[in-house]
Amino acid sequence: MNKNLSSAQEIIKKISTLLADKIEQDNIKGACDRIPFILKYYLRRYHHLDIDIHFGLIEHNSQYARHNWNSYKGQKIDVTIHNQLINEINSDCVILDEIYIAKGDNVIYHDCNHLPTDYLDKIEQARYHEYHLKNIPNRTEEEEYALQGWLEILEVNSSLLRVEKQKMTEIESVQTYINDHLEDEWNDVLQYLKCKNL
């Protein structure tokens, strides 16, 4: 193995394990909207290493949830998957394709460019039902509840399209996103890693 590659992997593994441990110990739920950006930025800024961010869905028992994760040279890094907002979707925390925190339930990852057919069908159904339900002037409680469900599906899909259009895999876009939305989280993570001398 190339010495530089091995050294890079060691740094990525060390920082990723610390973040996974913090998420587990502090019971931080749903951090996939923050940590993959912060991990990419931290590694680039302090270690001159570039990792990728992936946007898409995770699937478990035909249930879908929007999710972000990282990779390095094709090896998956997902330090938030073990503590999701939806407990049924918790899965093994993976760092460079190796299980770090075992949760037992494996999920299926779907990159936003390769979404499953049944999910795309749900988007079409959501568009159809949302259009018809919105045009009912005095919706019943049941119709209102159904409308909210279809709107949630469409919101997940539109957020996937939004991050794809913003080219959020590029470091400049990630830096802007952190500065605009994640400054407090960034400072917390930075202080935490600095305490660990990283």
N, C-alpha and C. Protein backbone atom coordinates (compact mmCIF):
# COMPACT_ATOMS: atom_id res chain seq x y z
N MET A 1 0.85 -1.19 0.00
CA MET A 1 0.00 0.00 0.00
C MET A 1 0.88 1.24 0.00
N ASN A 2 0.47 2.23 -0.75
CA ASN A 2 1.16 3.50 -0.82
C ASN A 2 1.23 4.14 0.57
N LYS A 3 2.42 4.60 0.97
CA LYS A 3 2.61 5.16 2.32
C LYS A 3 1.74 6.40 2.54
N ASN A 4 1.64 7.28 1.51
CA ASN A 4 0.82 8.48 1.62
C ASN A 4 -0.66 8.13 1.79
N LEU A 5 -1.11 7.10 1.04
CA LEU A 5 -2.50 6.66 1.15
C LEU A 5 -2.77 6.11 2.54
N SER A 6 -1.83 5.31 3.04
CA SER A 6 -1.98 4.73 4.37
C SER A 6 -2.04 5.82 5.44
N SER A 7 -1.17 6.82 5.33
CA SER A 7 -1.14 7.92 6.27
C SER A 7 -2.45 8.72 6.22
N ALA A 8 -2.95 8.98 5.01
CA ALA A 8 -4.22 9.70 4.85
C ALA A 8 -5.35 8.90 5.48
N GLN A 9 -5.39 7.62 5.26
CA GLN A 9 -6.44 6.78 5.82
C GLN A 9 -6.39 6.78 7.36
N GLU A 10 -5.19 6.78 7.90
CA GLU A 10 -5.05 6.81 9.37
C GLU A 10 -5.62 8.10 9.95
N ILE A 11 -5.33 9.23 9.30
CA ILE A 11 -5.85 10.52 9.76
C ILE A 11 -7.37 10.54 9.66
N ILE A 12 -7.90 10.11 8.51
CA ILE A 12 -9.35 10.09 8.31
C ILE A 12 -10.02 9.18 9.34
N LYS A 13 -9.42 8.04 9.58
CA LYS A 13 -9.99 7.08 10.54
C LYS A 13 -10.00 7.67 11.95
N LYS A 14 -8.90 8.30 12.34
CA LYS A 14 -8.79 8.85 13.69
C LYS A 14 -9.84 9.93 13.93
N ILE A 15 -9.97 10.87 13.00
CA ILE A 15 -10.92 11.96 13.16
C ILE A 15 -12.36 11.45 13.07
N SER A 16 -12.62 10.54 12.15
CA SER A 16 -13.96 9.98 11.98
C SER A 16 -14.41 9.21 13.22
N THR A 17 -13.49 8.45 13.83
CA THR A 17 -13.87 7.69 15.03
C THR A 17 -14.19 8.63 16.19
N LEU A 18 -13.45 9.72 16.30
CA LEU A 18 -13.73 10.69 17.36
C LEU A 18 -15.13 11.31 17.18
N LEU A 19 -15.48 11.64 15.94
CA LEU A 19 -16.79 12.22 15.68
C LEU A 19 -17.90 11.19 15.93
N ALA A 20 -17.68 9.95 15.51
CA ALA A 20 -18.67 8.89 15.74
C ALA A 20 -18.87 8.67 17.24
N ASP A 21 -17.77 8.68 18.00
CA ASP A 21 -17.85 8.50 19.46
C ASP A 21 -18.63 9.65 20.10
N LYS A 22 -18.37 10.88 19.64
CA LYS A 22 -19.07 12.04 20.19
C LYS A 22 -20.57 11.94 19.92
N ILE A 23 -20.94 11.54 18.72
CA ILE A 23 -22.35 11.39 18.36
C ILE A 23 -23.01 10.33 19.23
N GLU A 24 -22.29 9.25 19.49
CA GLU A 24 -22.83 8.16 20.32
C GLU A 24 -22.94 8.60 21.78
N GLN A 25 -21.86 9.15 22.33
CA GLN A 25 -21.83 9.51 23.75
C GLN A 25 -22.79 10.65 24.10
N ASP A 26 -22.88 11.64 23.21
CA ASP A 26 -23.75 12.78 23.47
C ASP A 26 -25.17 12.57 22.94
N ASN A 27 -25.41 11.38 22.36
CA ASN A 27 -26.71 11.03 21.80
C ASN A 27 -27.22 12.10 20.84
N ILE A 28 -26.35 12.49 19.90
CA ILE A 28 -26.70 13.51 18.91
C ILE A 28 -27.47 12.82 17.79
N LYS A 29 -28.72 13.23 17.62
CA LYS A 29 -29.60 12.59 16.62
C LYS A 29 -29.59 13.39 15.32
N GLY A 30 -29.67 12.66 14.21
CA GLY A 30 -29.86 13.30 12.91
C GLY A 30 -28.77 14.27 12.51
N ALA A 31 -27.53 13.92 12.74
CA ALA A 31 -26.41 14.85 12.46
C ALA A 31 -25.92 14.78 11.02
N CYS A 32 -26.60 14.00 10.18
CA CYS A 32 -26.11 13.86 8.80
C CYS A 32 -26.26 15.14 7.99
N ASP A 33 -27.04 16.10 8.49
CA ASP A 33 -27.15 17.38 7.78
C ASP A 33 -26.01 18.33 8.14
N ARG A 34 -25.14 17.92 9.08
CA ARG A 34 -24.05 18.79 9.52
C ARG A 34 -22.68 18.11 9.44
N ILE A 35 -22.57 16.96 10.05
CA ILE A 35 -21.25 16.33 10.23
C ILE A 35 -20.53 16.01 8.92
N PRO A 36 -21.18 15.47 7.88
CA PRO A 36 -20.42 15.21 6.64
C PRO A 36 -19.78 16.46 6.04
N PHE A 37 -20.44 17.61 6.18
CA PHE A 37 -19.87 18.87 5.68
C PHE A 37 -18.68 19.28 6.54
N ILE A 38 -18.86 19.18 7.85
CA ILE A 38 -17.81 19.59 8.78
C ILE A 38 -16.60 18.68 8.66
N LEU A 39 -16.83 17.37 8.50
CA LEU A 39 -15.72 16.42 8.35
C LEU A 39 -14.93 16.72 7.09
N LYS A 40 -15.64 16.96 6.00
CA LYS A 40 -14.94 17.29 4.73
C LYS A 40 -14.11 18.56 4.89
N TYR A 41 -14.72 19.58 5.46
CA TYR A 41 -14.04 20.86 5.60
C TYR A 41 -12.85 20.75 6.55
N TYR A 42 -13.02 20.07 7.67
CA TYR A 42 -11.95 19.93 8.66
C TYR A 42 -10.74 19.20 8.05
N LEU A 43 -11.00 18.11 7.36
CA LEU A 43 -9.90 17.34 6.76
C LEU A 43 -9.18 18.14 5.69
N ARG A 44 -9.92 18.93 4.94
CA ARG A 44 -9.30 19.74 3.90
C ARG A 44 -8.48 20.88 4.50
N ARG A 45 -9.07 21.55 5.50
CA ARG A 45 -8.42 22.73 6.06
C ARG A 45 -7.18 22.39 6.90
N TYR A 46 -7.29 21.35 7.73
CA TYR A 46 -6.21 21.07 8.67
C TYR A 46 -5.27 19.94 8.24
N HIS A 47 -5.71 19.12 7.29
CA HIS A 47 -4.87 17.98 6.89
C HIS A 47 -4.68 17.89 5.37
N HIS A 48 -5.23 18.83 4.63
CA HIS A 48 -5.09 18.89 3.16
C HIS A 48 -5.54 17.59 2.50
N LEU A 49 -6.58 16.98 3.07
CA LEU A 49 -7.16 15.75 2.52
C LEU A 49 -8.55 16.05 2.00
N ASP A 50 -8.87 15.50 0.84
CA ASP A 50 -10.18 15.76 0.25
C ASP A 50 -11.01 14.49 0.26
N ILE A 51 -12.16 14.55 0.93
CA ILE A 51 -13.09 13.44 0.91
C ILE A 51 -14.36 13.91 0.21
N ASP A 52 -15.17 12.96 -0.22
CA ASP A 52 -16.40 13.29 -0.94
C ASP A 52 -17.59 13.33 0.01
N ILE A 53 -18.61 14.10 -0.38
CA ILE A 53 -19.90 14.08 0.30
C ILE A 53 -20.90 13.48 -0.67
N HIS A 54 -21.75 12.60 -0.15
CA HIS A 54 -22.82 12.00 -0.94
C HIS A 54 -24.16 12.42 -0.37
N PHE A 55 -25.09 12.69 -1.26
CA PHE A 55 -26.44 13.09 -0.89
C PHE A 55 -27.40 12.05 -1.45
N GLY A 56 -28.35 11.63 -0.65
CA GLY A 56 -29.29 10.65 -1.17
C GLY A 56 -30.26 10.18 -0.12
N LEU A 57 -30.55 8.89 -0.18
CA LEU A 57 -31.51 8.27 0.72
C LEU A 57 -30.90 7.04 1.36
N ILE A 58 -31.39 6.72 2.55
CA ILE A 58 -31.14 5.40 3.10
C ILE A 58 -32.49 4.70 3.16
N GLU A 59 -32.44 3.38 2.98
CA GLU A 59 -33.66 2.59 2.93
C GLU A 59 -33.55 1.43 3.91
N HIS A 60 -34.63 1.23 4.67
CA HIS A 60 -34.71 0.09 5.58
C HIS A 60 -36.16 -0.37 5.62
N ASN A 61 -36.38 -1.63 5.28
CA ASN A 61 -37.74 -2.19 5.25
C ASN A 61 -38.71 -1.30 4.46
N SER A 62 -38.28 -0.90 3.27
CA SER A 62 -39.08 -0.06 2.37
C SER A 62 -39.40 1.32 2.94
N GLN A 63 -38.72 1.72 3.99
CA GLN A 63 -38.86 3.06 4.55
C GLN A 63 -37.64 3.87 4.12
N TYR A 64 -37.88 5.10 3.64
CA TYR A 64 -36.80 5.94 3.14
C TYR A 64 -36.59 7.15 4.05
N ALA A 65 -35.34 7.58 4.12
CA ALA A 65 -35.02 8.82 4.83
C ALA A 65 -33.89 9.51 4.07
N ARG A 66 -33.95 10.83 4.00
CA ARG A 66 -32.88 11.60 3.37
C ARG A 66 -31.62 11.44 4.22
N HIS A 67 -30.47 11.35 3.56
CA HIS A 67 -29.23 11.11 4.31
C HIS A 67 -28.04 11.63 3.53
N ASN A 68 -27.01 12.09 4.26
CA ASN A 68 -25.73 12.50 3.68
C ASN A 68 -24.63 11.67 4.33
N TRP A 69 -23.60 11.35 3.58
CA TRP A 69 -22.47 10.60 4.11
C TRP A 69 -21.22 10.97 3.30
N ASN A 70 -20.08 10.44 3.69
CA ASN A 70 -18.81 10.75 3.02
C ASN A 70 -18.20 9.48 2.43
N SER A 71 -17.17 9.69 1.63
CA SER A 71 -16.33 8.58 1.18
C SER A 71 -14.94 9.11 0.86
N TYR A 72 -13.99 8.18 0.87
CA TYR A 72 -12.62 8.52 0.49
C TYR A 72 -12.12 7.43 -0.45
N LYS A 73 -11.84 7.81 -1.67
CA LYS A 73 -11.38 6.87 -2.70
C LYS A 73 -12.29 5.65 -2.77
N GLY A 74 -13.59 5.90 -2.74
CA GLY A 74 -14.58 4.85 -2.88
C GLY A 74 -14.94 4.12 -1.60
N GLN A 75 -14.26 4.42 -0.50
CA GLN A 75 -14.55 3.76 0.78
C GLN A 75 -15.53 4.62 1.58
N LYS A 76 -16.63 4.01 2.02
CA LYS A 76 -17.69 4.73 2.71
C LYS A 76 -17.27 5.16 4.11
N ILE A 77 -17.68 6.39 4.46
CA ILE A 77 -17.49 6.93 5.81
C ILE A 77 -18.87 7.46 6.22
N ASP A 78 -19.48 6.85 7.21
CA ASP A 78 -20.78 7.31 7.69
C ASP A 78 -20.77 7.29 9.21
N VAL A 79 -20.46 8.44 9.80
CA VAL A 79 -20.29 8.52 11.26
C VAL A 79 -21.55 8.98 11.97
N THR A 80 -22.67 9.10 11.24
CA THR A 80 -23.94 9.52 11.86
C THR A 80 -25.04 8.47 11.77
N ILE A 81 -24.87 7.46 10.96
CA ILE A 81 -25.93 6.49 10.67
C ILE A 81 -26.37 5.70 11.90
N HIS A 82 -25.53 5.60 12.90
CA HIS A 82 -25.87 4.80 14.09
C HIS A 82 -26.77 5.54 15.07
N ASN A 83 -27.09 6.83 14.78
CA ASN A 83 -27.94 7.59 15.70
C ASN A 83 -28.87 8.52 14.91
N GLN A 84 -29.81 7.91 14.20
CA GLN A 84 -30.74 8.65 13.35
C GLN A 84 -31.94 9.16 14.15
N LEU A 85 -32.64 10.13 13.56
CA LEU A 85 -33.88 10.62 14.17
C LEU A 85 -34.94 9.52 14.20
N ILE A 86 -34.94 8.68 13.16
CA ILE A 86 -35.87 7.54 13.11
C ILE A 86 -35.09 6.32 13.58
N ASN A 87 -35.37 5.85 14.79
CA ASN A 87 -34.60 4.75 15.39
C ASN A 87 -34.56 3.51 14.51
N GLU A 88 -35.64 3.23 13.78
CA GLU A 88 -35.70 2.01 12.95
C GLU A 88 -34.66 2.03 11.84
N ILE A 89 -34.11 3.20 11.54
CA ILE A 89 -33.13 3.30 10.45
C ILE A 89 -31.70 3.32 10.98
N ASN A 90 -31.50 3.26 12.28
CA ASN A 90 -30.14 3.18 12.81
C ASN A 90 -29.43 1.97 12.20
N SER A 91 -28.18 2.16 11.85
CA SER A 91 -27.41 1.08 11.22
C SER A 91 -25.96 1.16 11.69
N ASP A 92 -25.14 0.25 11.17
CA ASP A 92 -23.73 0.20 11.56
C ASP A 92 -22.99 1.45 11.11
N CYS A 93 -22.29 2.09 12.04
CA CYS A 93 -21.40 3.19 11.72
C CYS A 93 -20.20 2.60 10.96
N VAL A 94 -19.91 3.18 9.80
CA VAL A 94 -18.87 2.63 8.93
C VAL A 94 -17.80 3.70 8.68
N ILE A 95 -16.55 3.31 8.86
CA ILE A 95 -15.43 4.21 8.58
C ILE A 95 -14.47 3.49 7.65
N LEU A 96 -14.32 4.04 6.45
CA LEU A 96 -13.48 3.44 5.40
C LEU A 96 -13.87 1.97 5.17
N ASP A 97 -15.17 1.76 5.00
CA ASP A 97 -15.77 0.45 4.70
C ASP A 97 -15.67 -0.57 5.84
N GLU A 98 -15.24 -0.16 7.02
CA GLU A 98 -15.18 -1.07 8.16
C GLU A 98 -16.18 -0.64 9.22
N ILE A 99 -16.86 -1.61 9.82
CA ILE A 99 -17.83 -1.30 10.87
C ILE A 99 -17.07 -0.80 12.10
N TYR A 100 -17.50 0.37 12.58
CA TYR A 100 -16.88 0.93 13.78
C TYR A 100 -17.82 0.80 14.99
N ILE A 101 -19.08 1.16 14.84
CA ILE A 101 -20.07 0.97 15.90
C ILE A 101 -21.18 0.11 15.31
N ALA A 102 -21.33 -1.09 15.82
CA ALA A 102 -22.30 -2.04 15.28
C ALA A 102 -23.69 -1.78 15.87
N LYS A 103 -24.67 -1.65 14.99
CA LYS A 103 -26.06 -1.50 15.41
C LYS A 103 -26.91 -2.65 14.88
N GLY A 104 -26.35 -3.41 13.94
CA GLY A 104 -27.01 -4.64 13.52
C GLY A 104 -27.91 -4.54 12.31
N ASP A 105 -28.60 -3.44 12.12
CA ASP A 105 -29.51 -3.33 10.99
C ASP A 105 -28.82 -2.60 9.84
N ASN A 106 -28.66 -3.30 8.73
CA ASN A 106 -28.03 -2.67 7.59
C ASN A 106 -29.07 -1.92 6.76
N VAL A 107 -28.68 -0.76 6.28
CA VAL A 107 -29.54 0.01 5.39
C VAL A 107 -28.96 -0.06 3.98
N ILE A 108 -29.81 0.28 3.03
CA ILE A 108 -29.37 0.38 1.64
C ILE A 108 -29.18 1.86 1.33
N TYR A 109 -28.03 2.20 0.76
CA TYR A 109 -27.73 3.59 0.40
C TYR A 109 -28.13 3.83 -1.06
N HIS A 110 -28.76 4.97 -1.29
CA HIS A 110 -29.12 5.38 -2.65
C HIS A 110 -28.61 6.78 -2.89
N ASP A 111 -27.62 6.93 -3.75
CA ASP A 111 -27.12 8.24 -4.13
C ASP A 111 -28.21 8.99 -4.88
N CYS A 112 -28.22 10.32 -4.77
CA CYS A 112 -29.30 11.11 -5.38
C CYS A 112 -29.35 10.94 -6.90
N ASN A 113 -28.26 10.50 -7.51
CA ASN A 113 -28.25 10.28 -8.96
C ASN A 113 -28.76 8.89 -9.33
N HIS A 114 -28.98 8.03 -8.34
CA HIS A 114 -29.43 6.65 -8.60
C HIS A 114 -30.52 6.25 -7.61
N LEU A 115 -31.61 7.00 -7.62
CA LEU A 115 -32.70 6.72 -6.69
C LEU A 115 -33.51 5.52 -7.18
N PRO A 116 -34.04 4.71 -6.25
CA PRO A 116 -34.77 3.50 -6.65
C PRO A 116 -36.10 3.84 -7.34
N THR A 117 -36.52 2.95 -8.22
CA THR A 117 -37.74 3.15 -9.01
C THR A 117 -38.96 3.34 -8.13
N ASP A 118 -39.10 2.53 -7.07
CA ASP A 118 -40.31 2.67 -6.25
C ASP A 118 -40.34 4.01 -5.53
N TYR A 119 -39.18 4.57 -5.20
CA TYR A 119 -39.14 5.90 -4.59
C TYR A 119 -39.55 6.96 -5.62
N LEU A 120 -39.03 6.86 -6.84
CA LEU A 120 -39.38 7.81 -7.89
C LEU A 120 -40.88 7.72 -8.20
N ASP A 121 -41.43 6.51 -8.12
CA ASP A 121 -42.89 6.35 -8.29
C ASP A 121 -43.64 7.09 -7.19
N LYS A 122 -43.11 7.03 -5.95
CA LYS A 122 -43.75 7.75 -4.85
C LYS A 122 -43.73 9.26 -5.09
N ILE A 123 -42.66 9.75 -5.69
CA ILE A 123 -42.58 11.18 -6.00
C ILE A 123 -43.68 11.56 -7.00
N GLU A 124 -43.86 10.72 -8.03
CA GLU A 124 -44.92 10.99 -9.01
C GLU A 124 -46.29 10.96 -8.35
N GLN A 125 -46.51 9.98 -7.48
CA GLN A 125 -47.79 9.90 -6.75
C GLN A 125 -47.98 11.14 -5.88
N ALA A 126 -46.90 11.56 -5.22
CA ALA A 126 -46.98 12.72 -4.33
C ALA A 126 -47.36 13.97 -5.12
N ARG A 127 -46.77 14.14 -6.29
CA ARG A 127 -47.10 15.31 -7.13
C ARG A 127 -48.58 15.28 -7.52
N TYR A 128 -49.04 14.11 -7.91
CA TYR A 128 -50.44 13.96 -8.34
C TYR A 128 -51.39 14.27 -7.17
N HIS A 129 -51.18 13.62 -6.03
CA HIS A 129 -52.08 13.78 -4.89
C HIS A 129 -51.99 15.19 -4.29
N GLU A 130 -50.77 15.73 -4.25
CA GLU A 130 -50.60 17.08 -3.70
C GLU A 130 -51.39 18.09 -4.53
N TYR A 131 -51.33 17.95 -5.84
CA TYR A 131 -52.05 18.86 -6.73
C TYR A 131 -53.56 18.77 -6.49
N HIS A 132 -54.09 17.55 -6.42
CA HIS A 132 -55.53 17.37 -6.24
C HIS A 132 -56.00 17.78 -4.85
N LEU A 133 -55.23 17.43 -3.83
CA LEU A 133 -55.64 17.76 -2.46
C LEU A 133 -55.58 19.26 -2.19
N LYS A 134 -54.58 19.92 -2.78
CA LYS A 134 -54.46 21.37 -2.58
C LYS A 134 -55.65 22.13 -3.16
N ASN A 135 -56.27 21.55 -4.18
CA ASN A 135 -57.39 22.22 -4.85
C ASN A 135 -58.74 21.92 -4.21
N ILE A 136 -58.74 21.19 -3.12
CA ILE A 136 -59.99 20.98 -2.38
C ILE A 136 -60.13 22.14 -1.41
N PRO A 137 -61.19 22.95 -1.54
CA PRO A 137 -61.30 24.16 -0.71
C PRO A 137 -61.44 23.90 0.79
N ASN A 138 -62.29 23.00 1.21
CA ASN A 138 -62.50 22.73 2.63
C ASN A 138 -62.10 21.28 2.93
N ARG A 139 -60.78 21.10 3.09
CA ARG A 139 -60.29 19.73 3.30
C ARG A 139 -60.72 19.19 4.66
N THR A 140 -61.01 17.90 4.67
CA THR A 140 -61.30 17.24 5.94
C THR A 140 -59.97 17.05 6.68
N GLU A 141 -60.06 16.67 7.94
CA GLU A 141 -58.84 16.41 8.72
C GLU A 141 -58.02 15.28 8.09
N GLU A 142 -58.71 14.29 7.59
CA GLU A 142 -58.03 13.15 6.94
C GLU A 142 -57.33 13.60 5.66
N GLU A 143 -57.99 14.43 4.88
CA GLU A 143 -57.39 14.95 3.63
C GLU A 143 -56.19 15.85 3.95
N GLU A 144 -56.30 16.64 5.00
CA GLU A 144 -55.19 17.52 5.41
C GLU A 144 -53.99 16.69 5.84
N TYR A 145 -54.23 15.63 6.58
CA TYR A 145 -53.17 14.73 7.03
C TYR A 145 -52.48 14.07 5.83
N ALA A 146 -53.29 13.62 4.86
CA ALA A 146 -52.75 13.00 3.65
C ALA A 146 -51.91 13.99 2.87
N LEU A 147 -52.39 15.23 2.76
CA LEU A 147 -51.66 16.26 2.04
C LEU A 147 -50.29 16.50 2.68
N GLN A 148 -50.25 16.57 4.00
CA GLN A 148 -48.98 16.79 4.71
C GLN A 148 -48.00 15.66 4.42
N GLY A 149 -48.49 14.42 4.37
CA GLY A 149 -47.64 13.28 4.05
C GLY A 149 -47.02 13.38 2.67
N TRP A 150 -47.85 13.76 1.67
CA TRP A 150 -47.33 13.91 0.31
C TRP A 150 -46.35 15.09 0.23
N LEU A 151 -46.64 16.17 0.96
CA LEU A 151 -45.74 17.32 0.96
C LEU A 151 -44.38 16.98 1.56
N GLU A 152 -44.36 16.13 2.59
CA GLU A 152 -43.08 15.70 3.19
C GLU A 152 -42.23 14.96 2.17
N ILE A 153 -42.85 14.07 1.40
CA ILE A 153 -42.11 13.32 0.37
C ILE A 153 -41.53 14.29 -0.66
N LEU A 154 -42.33 15.26 -1.07
CA LEU A 154 -41.86 16.23 -2.06
C LEU A 154 -40.76 17.12 -1.50
N GLU A 155 -40.82 17.44 -0.22
CA GLU A 155 -39.79 18.28 0.41
C GLU A 155 -38.45 17.56 0.44
N VAL A 156 -38.46 16.26 0.77
CA VAL A 156 -37.22 15.47 0.75
C VAL A 156 -36.63 15.48 -0.65
N ASN A 157 -37.48 15.25 -1.65
CA ASN A 157 -37.00 15.22 -3.02
C ASN A 157 -36.45 16.58 -3.45
N SER A 158 -37.14 17.67 -3.10
CA SER A 158 -36.67 18.99 -3.51
C SER A 158 -35.36 19.35 -2.81
N SER A 159 -35.17 18.90 -1.56
CA SER A 159 -33.90 19.19 -0.87
C SER A 159 -32.75 18.43 -1.52
N LEU A 160 -33.02 17.21 -2.03
CA LEU A 160 -31.98 16.48 -2.75
C LEU A 160 -31.59 17.22 -4.02
N LEU A 161 -32.58 17.70 -4.75
CA LEU A 161 -32.30 18.44 -5.99
C LEU A 161 -31.56 19.74 -5.69
N ARG A 162 -31.91 20.38 -4.57
CA ARG A 162 -31.28 21.65 -4.20
C ARG A 162 -29.79 21.48 -3.93
N VAL A 163 -29.42 20.48 -3.13
CA VAL A 163 -28.00 20.31 -2.82
C VAL A 163 -27.22 19.89 -4.06
N GLU A 164 -27.87 19.14 -4.94
CA GLU A 164 -27.20 18.74 -6.17
C GLU A 164 -26.91 19.96 -7.04
N LYS A 165 -27.88 20.86 -7.16
CA LYS A 165 -27.70 22.06 -7.98
C LYS A 165 -26.67 23.01 -7.38
N GLN A 166 -26.56 23.03 -6.06
CA GLN A 166 -25.62 23.94 -5.42
C GLN A 166 -24.18 23.42 -5.45
N LYS A 167 -23.98 22.27 -6.05
CA LYS A 167 -22.64 21.67 -6.15
C LYS A 167 -21.99 21.58 -4.77
N MET A 168 -22.75 21.05 -3.81
CA MET A 168 -22.29 21.01 -2.44
C MET A 168 -21.14 20.02 -2.19
N THR A 169 -20.65 19.39 -3.24
CA THR A 169 -19.48 18.54 -3.06
C THR A 169 -18.19 19.34 -3.20
N GLU A 170 -18.27 20.55 -3.71
CA GLU A 170 -17.07 21.38 -3.89
C GLU A 170 -16.75 22.10 -2.58
N ILE A 171 -15.47 22.18 -2.24
CA ILE A 171 -15.06 22.68 -0.93
C ILE A 171 -15.49 24.14 -0.72
N GLU A 172 -15.50 24.95 -1.77
CA GLU A 172 -15.92 26.35 -1.63
C GLU A 172 -17.39 26.42 -1.22
N SER A 173 -18.24 25.58 -1.82
CA SER A 173 -19.66 25.54 -1.46
C SER A 173 -19.85 25.04 -0.04
N VAL A 174 -19.06 24.05 0.35
CA VAL A 174 -19.14 23.51 1.71
C VAL A 174 -18.75 24.59 2.71
N GLN A 175 -17.68 25.32 2.42
CA GLN A 175 -17.23 26.39 3.32
C GLN A 175 -18.30 27.46 3.47
N THR A 176 -18.92 27.86 2.36
CA THR A 176 -20.00 28.85 2.42
C THR A 176 -21.16 28.33 3.24
N TYR A 177 -21.52 27.07 3.04
CA TYR A 177 -22.64 26.45 3.77
C TYR A 177 -22.35 26.46 5.28
N ILE A 178 -21.13 26.09 5.66
CA ILE A 178 -20.76 26.08 7.07
C ILE A 178 -20.83 27.50 7.65
N ASN A 179 -20.27 28.46 6.92
CA ASN A 179 -20.28 29.85 7.40
C ASN A 179 -21.71 30.40 7.54
N ASP A 180 -22.59 30.00 6.62
CA ASP A 180 -23.95 30.54 6.61
C ASP A 180 -24.90 29.80 7.57
N HIS A 181 -24.66 28.52 7.79
CA HIS A 181 -25.65 27.71 8.52
C HIS A 181 -25.11 26.92 9.71
N LEU A 182 -23.82 26.64 9.73
CA LEU A 182 -23.30 25.68 10.71
C LEU A 182 -22.18 26.25 11.58
N GLU A 183 -22.12 27.55 11.71
CA GLU A 183 -20.99 28.15 12.42
C GLU A 183 -20.87 27.65 13.86
N ASP A 184 -21.99 27.58 14.58
CA ASP A 184 -21.94 27.11 15.97
C ASP A 184 -21.47 25.66 16.06
N GLU A 185 -22.05 24.81 15.19
CA GLU A 185 -21.64 23.39 15.19
C GLU A 185 -20.18 23.25 14.82
N TRP A 186 -19.75 24.06 13.83
CA TRP A 186 -18.35 24.02 13.41
C TRP A 186 -17.42 24.36 14.57
N ASN A 187 -17.74 25.41 15.31
CA ASN A 187 -16.91 25.82 16.44
C ASN A 187 -16.89 24.75 17.53
N ASP A 188 -18.03 24.13 17.79
CA ASP A 188 -18.09 23.04 18.78
C ASP A 188 -17.20 21.87 18.38
N VAL A 189 -17.32 21.46 17.12
CA VAL A 189 -16.51 20.33 16.64
C VAL A 189 -15.04 20.70 16.62
N LEU A 190 -14.73 21.90 16.19
CA LEU A 190 -13.34 22.36 16.14
C LEU A 190 -12.72 22.33 17.54
N GLN A 191 -13.42 22.85 18.53
CA GLN A 191 -12.90 22.84 19.90
C GLN A 191 -12.73 21.41 20.41
N TYR A 192 -13.68 20.56 20.10
CA TYR A 192 -13.62 19.16 20.51
C TYR A 192 -12.38 18.47 19.91
N LEU A 193 -12.14 18.67 18.64
CA LEU A 193 -10.98 18.03 17.99
C LEU A 193 -9.67 18.67 18.44
N LYS A 194 -9.68 19.97 18.67
CA LYS A 194 -8.46 20.63 19.16
C LYS A 194 -8.08 20.08 20.53
N CYS A 195 -9.08 19.80 21.39
CA CYS A 195 -8.80 19.21 22.70
C CYS A 195 -8.13 17.85 22.56
N LYS A 196 -8.40 17.19 21.43
CA LYS A 196 -7.81 15.87 21.18
C LYS A 196 -6.49 16.00 20.41
N ASN A 197 -6.04 17.24 20.24
CA ASN A 197 -4.78 17.52 19.54
C ASN A 197 -4.82 17.07 18.07
N LEU A 198 -5.95 17.31 17.43
CA LEU A 198 -6.06 16.99 16.00
C LEU A 198 -6.23 18.27 15.22
